[in-house]
Protein backbone atom coordinates (compact mmCIF):
# COMPACT_ATOMS: atom_id res chain seq x y z
CA MET A 1 5.24 9.17 8.53
CA THR A 2 4.03 9.48 12.10
CA SER A 3 3.97 6.57 14.48
CA GLU A 4 0.17 6.89 14.68
CA LYS A 5 -0.60 4.72 11.67
CA LYS A 6 -4.19 4.05 10.82
CA TYR A 7 -3.32 0.64 9.36
CA PRO A 8 -1.14 -2.41 10.09
CA PRO A 9 2.40 -2.61 8.72
CA ILE A 10 2.91 -2.71 4.97
CA LYS A 11 6.30 -2.48 3.34
CA LEU A 12 7.19 -0.86 0.03
CA LEU A 13 9.89 -3.15 -1.33
CA GLU A 14 10.66 -1.21 -4.49
CA PHE A 15 9.26 1.08 -7.12
CA GLU A 16 10.23 1.48 -10.74
CA PHE A 17 9.43 4.07 -13.39
CA LEU A 18 8.30 2.29 -16.55
CA ASP A 19 8.85 3.36 -20.17
CA ASP A 20 5.15 4.17 -20.62
CA GLY A 21 5.32 6.80 -17.85
CA SER A 22 3.63 4.67 -15.19
CA VAL A 23 5.18 3.48 -11.96
CA PHE A 24 5.38 -0.11 -10.72
CA PHE A 25 5.21 -0.62 -6.94
CA ASP A 26 6.07 -3.87 -5.16
CA PHE A 27 4.67 -4.28 -1.64
CA ASP A 28 5.12 -6.87 1.07
CA ILE A 29 1.61 -7.23 2.46
CA SER A 30 1.17 -9.09 5.75
CA GLU A 31 -1.86 -11.23 6.53
CA GLU A 32 -2.67 -8.71 9.25
CA PHE A 33 -2.74 -5.88 6.71
CA GLU A 34 -4.80 -7.89 4.23
CA SER A 35 -7.39 -8.72 6.90
CA TRP A 36 -7.52 -5.10 8.06
CA PHE A 37 -7.85 -3.83 4.49
CA LYS A 38 -10.71 -6.19 3.62
CA GLU A 39 -12.54 -5.29 6.83
CA GLU A 40 -11.91 -1.56 6.39
CA HIS A 41 -13.35 -1.65 2.85
CA ASN A 42 -16.12 -4.18 3.53
CA LEU A 43 -14.60 -6.76 1.18
CA LYS A 44 -15.07 -10.52 1.28
CA ARG A 45 -11.93 -11.04 -0.82
CA TRP A 46 -8.91 -9.02 -1.91
CA SER A 47 -9.54 -6.26 -4.46
CA ALA A 48 -6.50 -5.08 -6.41
CA LYS A 49 -8.52 -2.17 -7.77
CA LYS A 50 -9.41 -0.92 -4.27
CA PHE A 51 -5.85 -1.50 -3.06
CA ASN A 52 -4.39 0.47 -5.99
CA SER A 53 -6.76 3.34 -5.23
CA TRP A 54 -5.82 3.23 -1.54
CA VAL A 55 -2.10 3.19 -2.42
CA PHE A 56 -2.56 6.26 -4.62
CA GLU A 57 -4.12 8.09 -1.65
CA ASN A 58 -1.28 7.06 0.71
CA ILE A 59 1.77 7.00 -1.56
CA GLU A 60 3.53 9.91 0.14
CA ASP A 61 3.60 7.93 3.39
CA PHE A 62 5.14 4.88 1.69
CA LEU A 63 7.82 6.94 -0.03
CA GLU A 64 8.74 8.63 3.25
CA GLU A 65 8.99 5.24 4.98
CA SER A 66 11.18 3.84 2.21
CA LYS A 67 13.74 6.61 2.82
CA ALA A 68 14.17 5.51 6.45
C-alpha cells in the first residue's frame, strides 16, 4: 500500500477462513477512522453493511499491510 492513504489508519488484526467458505476479518478501528468513515459516507451512525462493502473494495490494501 502506498503512503498516500485516502483514509485514517485502520488495522487488520486477523483473518480466518471459515468452514462455510466465507472469511472472517477482525479490525481495530480508531475513533478517527470511524468519524472519517461516517463523514465520507454521509452517515449519522456506524453502518456495518457499508463498512463491509468498503472493506471488500479495499481488501487488497489490508492484506498487503498485514504482511508488513
